[in-house]
Structure formats: C-alpha cells, structure tokens
Amino acid sequence: MLDIRFSSGLMAMLILAAAEEDGAPTLSSAQLAERMDTNASLVRKLLVPLARAELVVCTKGRAGGARLARPAEQITLAEIYRCSTGDKPLWNCRSGNEHDCRVAANAQSYFAELTAEAEQAVLGALGDRTLADGVRELQRLDREPSTSPAGTPHETASVEGLGRGK
C-alpha cells in the first residue's frame, strides 16, 4: 500500500503558503479539507506532526485554524517529509528463509543499506527546495497549457490564488 502522508502533508502546507500569499494565512481544518478533497478529521491528524515540528501553528476554537509557523521561504520540503513520515523507512524488506538461502540470509542488511542511501538522496533533493519554491512552481504550471497523458490539451482548475477555494 502506498503511503500518502508526505504528499498529503505537503499539499496542506502548499495550500497554507498560498493562503498566506493571498492575505488569509489561517485556514480551518474544514477549509483545508475542502481544498484537499478529504475530511477535516484527516486534516487534523496530518497537522499534528507538522505542529510538533513547529512548521504550523494551530489554534482551537471558532476562529481557530492552522497557519505557517514561519515564512514559506524558510521551510524546506525535507522538513515536511521528515515530520510527515516519522521513522517509517522509505521501503521495508521482505523476509525470506534465512536458513536455506544465502540471498535471504543477507537481504535485510543489503536492503537496509540501499534504503538508507535512497532516503539520503530523497532528503537531499527535498532539502534543496522550499515551500515557497513549490508555490511558485504550481503558479508556473497553472500558467502553462496542460496536456493529458495522450498529449492533447485539457482544462485545468486554476491554482492562481491557491489558498482561496476551488
């Protein structure tokens, strides 16, 4: 099963960054959920590790909501990745019959090294990008004509004013 915690956490952070640019920096979990096409309960669960990592500030109550804890230029995608995924490795190794197979006997060690190397590459790539870079890239993509997988142009929902509704 694919893990979508990082992509969901990143989407929430991008929406908050765009909302801040639009002058409405605080969004309720219901507002975030609507823009993410999910439910508010899931959004609140996604916000917990982001708040613990001091990437967002959450306030309770009728006028509460979530906002970025610091400027989008100062938040790297690696920070969002680390707190969204926690200690879960990029991949897990399948166990085998270690007594009868030399591959299975050494697969855990080999796979752990491979996973650590891949994880460092991912963190390196994400560490070079900020949340502000992501918002700019989404705005650029919104201005360009989009094509479907078949190569034909198709309509896209506007992301100009990403923080404001659909």
C-alpha atoms as a PDB file:
ATOM      1  CA  MET A   1       0.000   0.000   0.000  1.00  0.00           C
ATOM      2  CA  LEU A   2       1.343   3.410  -0.931  1.00  0.00           C
ATOM      3  CA  ASP A   3       1.959   5.895   1.850  1.00  0.00           C
ATOM      4  CA  ILE A   4       0.416   9.302   1.145  1.00  0.00           C
ATOM      5  CA  ARG A   5       1.333  11.064   4.385  1.00  0.00           C
ATOM      6  CA  PHE A   6       4.078  13.157   2.766  1.00  0.00           C
ATOM      7  CA  SER A   7       2.066  14.138  -0.303  1.00  0.00           C
ATOM      8  CA  SER A   8      -0.925  14.997   1.894  1.00  0.00           C
ATOM      9  CA  GLY A   9       1.180  16.972   4.368  1.00  0.00           C
ATOM     10  CA  LEU A  10       2.904  18.789   1.509  1.00  0.00           C
ATOM     11  CA  MET A  11      -0.426  19.631  -0.110  1.00  0.00           C
ATOM     12  CA  ALA A  12      -1.726  21.081   3.165  1.00  0.00           C
ATOM     13  CA  MET A  13       1.450  23.133   3.580  1.00  0.00           C
ATOM     14  CA  LEU A  14       1.285  24.402  -0.021  1.00  0.00           C
ATOM     15  CA  ILE A  15      -2.336  25.455   0.493  1.00  0.00           C
ATOM     16  CA  LEU A  16      -1.406  27.286   3.710  1.00  0.00           C
ATOM     17  CA  ALA A  17       1.526  29.006   1.961  1.00  0.00           C
ATOM     18  CA  ALA A  18      -0.695  30.113  -0.917  1.00  0.00           C
ATOM     19  CA  ALA A  19      -3.372  31.309   1.529  1.00  0.00           C
ATOM     20  CA  GLU A  20      -0.753  33.389   3.312  1.00  0.00           C
ATOM     21  CA  GLU A  21       0.283  34.953  -0.010  1.00  0.00           C
ATOM     22  CA  ASP A  22      -3.389  35.735  -0.626  1.00  0.00           C
ATOM     23  CA  GLY A  23      -3.681  37.543   2.713  1.00  0.00           C
ATOM     24  CA  ALA A  24      -5.685  34.852   4.549  1.00  0.00           C
ATOM     25  CA  PRO A  25      -2.965  32.987   6.433  1.00  0.00           C
ATOM     26  CA  THR A  26      -5.216  30.985   8.788  1.00  0.00           C
ATOM     27  CA  LEU A  27      -7.439  28.224   7.422  1.00  0.00           C
ATOM     28  CA  SER A  28      -9.709  25.910   9.379  1.00  0.00           C
ATOM     29  CA  SER A  29      -9.371  22.155   9.043  1.00  0.00           C
ATOM     30  CA  ALA A  30     -12.690  22.209   7.158  1.00  0.00           C
ATOM     31  CA  GLN A  31     -11.319  24.749   4.656  1.00  0.00           C
ATOM     32  CA  LEU A  32      -8.144  22.711   4.178  1.00  0.00           C
ATOM     33  CA  ALA A  33     -10.176  19.507   3.842  1.00  0.00           C
ATOM     34  CA  GLU A  34     -12.379  21.030   1.152  1.00  0.00           C
ATOM     35  CA  ARG A  35      -9.367  22.121  -0.893  1.00  0.00           C
ATOM     36  CA  MET A  36      -7.687  18.745  -0.425  1.00  0.00           C
ATOM     37  CA  ASP A  37     -10.909  16.843  -1.196  1.00  0.00           C
ATOM     38  CA  THR A  38     -10.769  14.923   2.073  1.00  0.00           C
ATOM     39  CA  ASN A  39     -12.317  15.162   5.532  1.00  0.00           C
ATOM     40  CA  ALA A  40     -11.436  17.569   8.332  1.00  0.00           C
ATOM     41  CA  SER A  41     -10.571  14.743  10.729  1.00  0.00           C
ATOM     42  CA  LEU A  42      -7.791  13.512   8.414  1.00  0.00           C
ATOM     43  CA  VAL A  43      -6.503  17.069   8.016  1.00  0.00           C
ATOM     44  CA  ARG A  44      -6.305  17.495  11.789  1.00  0.00           C
ATOM     45  CA  LYS A  45      -4.308  14.241  12.029  1.00  0.00           C
ATOM     46  CA  LEU A  46      -1.940  15.487   9.306  1.00  0.00           C
ATOM     47  CA  LEU A  47      -1.436  18.774  11.150  1.00  0.00           C
ATOM     48  CA  VAL A  48      -0.334  17.153  14.434  1.00  0.00           C
ATOM     49  CA  PRO A  49       3.222  16.212  13.354  1.00  0.00           C
ATOM     50  CA  LEU A  50       3.550  19.472  11.399  1.00  0.00           C
ATOM     51  CA  ALA A  51       2.668  21.419  14.545  1.00  0.00           C
ATOM     52  CA  ARG A  52       5.042  19.316  16.690  1.00  0.00           C
ATOM     53  CA  ALA A  53       7.829  20.121  14.233  1.00  0.00           C
ATOM     54  CA  GLU A  54       6.883  23.810  14.529  1.00  0.00           C
ATOM     55  CA  LEU A  55       6.074  24.095  10.835  1.00  0.00           C
ATOM     56  CA  VAL A  56       2.481  25.169  11.503  1.00  0.00           C
ATOM     57  CA  VAL A  57       0.709  26.887  14.363  1.00  0.00           C
ATOM     58  CA  CYS A  58      -2.744  25.547  15.181  1.00  0.00           C
ATOM     59  CA  THR A  59      -5.310  27.359  17.288  1.00  0.00           C
ATOM     60  CA  LYS A  60      -8.531  25.840  18.584  1.00  0.00           C
ATOM     61  CA  GLY A  61     -11.942  27.374  18.651  1.00  0.00           C
ATOM     62  CA  ARG A  62     -14.443  29.007  16.361  1.00  0.00           C
ATOM     63  CA  ALA A  63     -11.893  31.453  14.914  1.00  0.00           C
ATOM     64  CA  GLY A  64      -9.083  28.890  15.041  1.00  0.00           C
ATOM     65  CA  GLY A  65      -7.245  27.107  12.318  1.00  0.00           C
ATOM     66  CA  ALA A  66      -3.770  26.446  11.007  1.00  0.00           C
ATOM     67  CA  ARG A  67      -1.161  28.788   9.584  1.00  0.00           C
ATOM     68  CA  LEU A  68       2.523  28.541   8.715  1.00  0.00           C
ATOM     69  CA  ALA A  69       4.802  28.935  11.731  1.00  0.00           C
ATOM     70  CA  ARG A  70       7.432  30.753   9.686  1.00  0.00           C
ATOM     71  CA  PRO A  71       7.761  32.153   6.153  1.00  0.00           C
ATOM     72  CA  ALA A  72       7.433  29.655   3.299  1.00  0.00           C
ATOM     73  CA  GLU A  73      10.956  30.594   2.145  1.00  0.00           C
ATOM     74  CA  GLN A  74      12.299  29.175   5.415  1.00  0.00           C
ATOM     75  CA  ILE A  75      10.524  25.790   5.300  1.00  0.00           C
ATOM     76  CA  THR A  76      12.168  23.033   3.274  1.00  0.00           C
ATOM     77  CA  LEU A  77      10.316  20.131   1.732  1.00  0.00           C
ATOM     78  CA  ALA A  78      12.736  17.851   3.614  1.00  0.00           C
ATOM     79  CA  GLU A  79      11.360  19.170   6.917  1.00  0.00           C
ATOM     80  CA  ILE A  80       7.826  18.388   5.792  1.00  0.00           C
ATOM     81  CA  TYR A  81       8.905  14.922   4.617  1.00  0.00           C
ATOM     82  CA  ARG A  82      10.656  14.071   7.885  1.00  0.00           C
ATOM     83  CA  CYS A  83       7.769  15.050  10.132  1.00  0.00           C
ATOM     84  CA  SER A  84       5.091  13.579   7.830  1.00  0.00           C
ATOM     85  CA  THR A  85       6.688  10.153   7.546  1.00  0.00           C
ATOM     86  CA  GLY A  86       8.232   9.917  11.011  1.00  0.00           C
ATOM     87  CA  ASP A  87      10.579   6.981  11.486  1.00  0.00           C
ATOM     88  CA  LYS A  88       8.949   4.896   8.772  1.00  0.00           C
ATOM     89  CA  PRO A  89      11.574   3.801   6.228  1.00  0.00           C
ATOM     90  CA  LEU A  90      11.168   4.528   2.539  1.00  0.00           C
ATOM     91  CA  TRP A  91      10.808   0.768   1.918  1.00  0.00           C
ATOM     92  CA  ASN A  92      10.616  -2.367   4.014  1.00  0.00           C
ATOM     93  CA  CYS A  93      12.489  -5.556   3.215  1.00  0.00           C
ATOM     94  CA  ARG A  94      10.608  -8.772   2.674  1.00  0.00           C
ATOM     95  CA  SER A  95      11.828 -11.550   4.932  1.00  0.00           C
ATOM     96  CA  GLY A  96      12.797 -14.909   3.500  1.00  0.00           C
ATOM     97  CA  ASN A  97      14.028 -18.312   4.583  1.00  0.00           C
ATOM     98  CA  GLU A  98      17.369 -17.246   6.042  1.00  0.00           C
ATOM     99  CA  HIS A  99      18.414 -20.830   6.850  1.00  0.00           C
ATOM    100  CA  ASP A 100      18.142 -22.194   3.314  1.00  0.00           C
ATOM    101  CA  CYS A 101      19.055 -19.219   1.138  1.00  0.00           C
ATOM    102  CA  ARG A 102      22.161 -17.054   1.137  1.00  0.00           C
ATOM    103  CA  VAL A 103      20.225 -14.234  -0.531  1.00  0.00           C
ATOM    104  CA  ALA A 104      17.552 -14.251   2.180  1.00  0.00           C
ATOM    105  CA  ALA A 105      20.243 -14.517   4.859  1.00  0.00           C
ATOM    106  CA  ASN A 106      21.790 -11.208   3.763  1.00  0.00           C
ATOM    107  CA  ALA A 107      18.827  -9.405   2.237  1.00  0.00           C
ATOM    108  CA  GLN A 108      17.929  -7.483   5.406  1.00  0.00           C
ATOM    109  CA  SER A 109      21.397  -5.905   5.674  1.00  0.00           C
ATOM    110  CA  TYR A 110      21.645  -5.189   1.960  1.00  0.00           C
ATOM    111  CA  PHE A 111      18.177  -3.672   1.832  1.00  0.00           C
ATOM    112  CA  ALA A 112      18.808  -1.540   4.929  1.00  0.00           C
ATOM    113  CA  GLU A 113      21.904  -0.040   3.258  1.00  0.00           C
ATOM    114  CA  LEU A 114      20.041   0.514  -0.013  1.00  0.00           C
ATOM    115  CA  THR A 115      17.118   2.145   1.799  1.00  0.00           C
ATOM    116  CA  ALA A 116      19.412   4.458   3.791  1.00  0.00           C
ATOM    117  CA  GLU A 117      21.172   5.546   0.591  1.00  0.00           C
ATOM    118  CA  ALA A 118      17.870   6.214  -1.212  1.00  0.00           C
ATOM    119  CA  GLU A 119      16.493   8.078   1.813  1.00  0.00           C
ATOM    120  CA  GLN A 120      19.548  10.371   1.837  1.00  0.00           C
ATOM    121  CA  ALA A 121      19.074  11.084  -1.877  1.00  0.00           C
ATOM    122  CA  VAL A 122      15.403  11.938  -1.292  1.00  0.00           C
ATOM    123  CA  LEU A 123      16.238  14.209   1.654  1.00  0.00           C
ATOM    124  CA  GLY A 124      18.969  15.897  -0.402  1.00  0.00           C
ATOM    125  CA  ALA A 125      16.580  16.675  -3.250  1.00  0.00           C
ATOM    126  CA  LEU A 126      13.841  17.871  -0.887  1.00  0.00           C
ATOM    127  CA  GLY A 127      16.295  19.867   1.217  1.00  0.00           C
ATOM    128  CA  ASP A 128      17.136  21.996  -1.820  1.00  0.00           C
ATOM    129  CA  ARG A 129      13.513  23.084  -2.240  1.00  0.00           C
ATOM    130  CA  THR A 130      11.410  25.367  -0.073  1.00  0.00           C
ATOM    131  CA  LEU A 131       7.676  25.635   0.330  1.00  0.00           C
ATOM    132  CA  ALA A 132       7.863  28.991  -1.475  1.00  0.00           C
ATOM    133  CA  ASP A 133       9.585  27.236  -4.411  1.00  0.00           C
ATOM    134  CA  GLY A 134       6.656  24.814  -4.515  1.00  0.00           C
ATOM    135  CA  VAL A 135       4.065  27.589  -4.625  1.00  0.00           C
ATOM    136  CA  ARG A 136       5.981  29.326  -7.439  1.00  0.00           C
ATOM    137  CA  GLU A 137       6.199  26.052  -9.378  1.00  0.00           C
ATOM    138  CA  LEU A 138       2.453  25.461  -9.025  1.00  0.00           C
ATOM    139  CA  GLN A 139       1.770  29.002 -10.242  1.00  0.00           C
ATOM    140  CA  ARG A 140       4.076  28.410 -13.222  1.00  0.00           C
ATOM    141  CA  LEU A 141       2.294  25.153 -14.045  1.00  0.00           C
ATOM    142  CA  ASP A 142      -1.055  26.919 -13.847  1.00  0.00           C
ATOM    143  CA  ARG A 143       0.049  29.468 -16.451  1.00  0.00           C
ATOM    144  CA  GLU A 144       1.244  26.813 -18.919  1.00  0.00           C
ATOM    145  CA  PRO A 145      -1.164  24.904 -21.118  1.00  0.00           C
ATOM    146  CA  SER A 146      -1.560  21.439 -19.688  1.00  0.00           C
ATOM    147  CA  THR A 147      -1.722  18.265 -21.716  1.00  0.00           C
ATOM    148  CA  SER A 148      -3.387  14.991 -20.975  1.00  0.00           C
ATOM    149  CA  PRO A 149      -1.383  11.738 -20.953  1.00  0.00           C
ATOM    150  CA  ALA A 150      -2.416  11.319 -24.616  1.00  0.00           C
ATOM    151  CA  GLY A 151      -0.745  14.649 -25.427  1.00  0.00           C
ATOM    152  CA  THR A 152      -3.897  16.669 -26.043  1.00  0.00           C
ATOM    153  CA  PRO A 153      -4.581  19.955 -24.242  1.00  0.00           C
ATOM    154  CA  HIS A 154      -7.170  19.839 -21.474  1.00  0.00           C
ATOM    155  CA  GLU A 155      -8.711  22.198 -18.969  1.00  0.00           C
ATOM    156  CA  THR A 156      -7.121  22.594 -15.535  1.00  0.00           C
ATOM    157  CA  ALA A 157      -8.510  24.077 -12.371  1.00  0.00           C
ATOM    158  CA  SER A 158      -6.904  27.396 -11.606  1.00  0.00           C
ATOM    159  CA  VAL A 159      -4.250  27.451  -8.899  1.00  0.00           C
ATOM    160  CA  GLU A 160      -3.870  31.202  -9.039  1.00  0.00           C
ATOM    161  CA  GLY A 161      -4.870  32.123  -5.551  1.00  0.00           C
ATOM    162  CA  LEU A 162      -4.209  28.561  -4.403  1.00  0.00           C
ATOM    163  CA  GLY A 163      -5.276  29.439  -0.890  1.00  0.00           C
ATOM    164  CA  ARG A 164      -8.762  30.605  -1.900  1.00  0.00           C
ATOM    165  CA  GLY A 165     -11.367  27.948  -2.756  1.00  0.00           C
ATOM    166  CA  LYS A 166     -11.568  25.856  -5.878  1.00  0.00           C
END
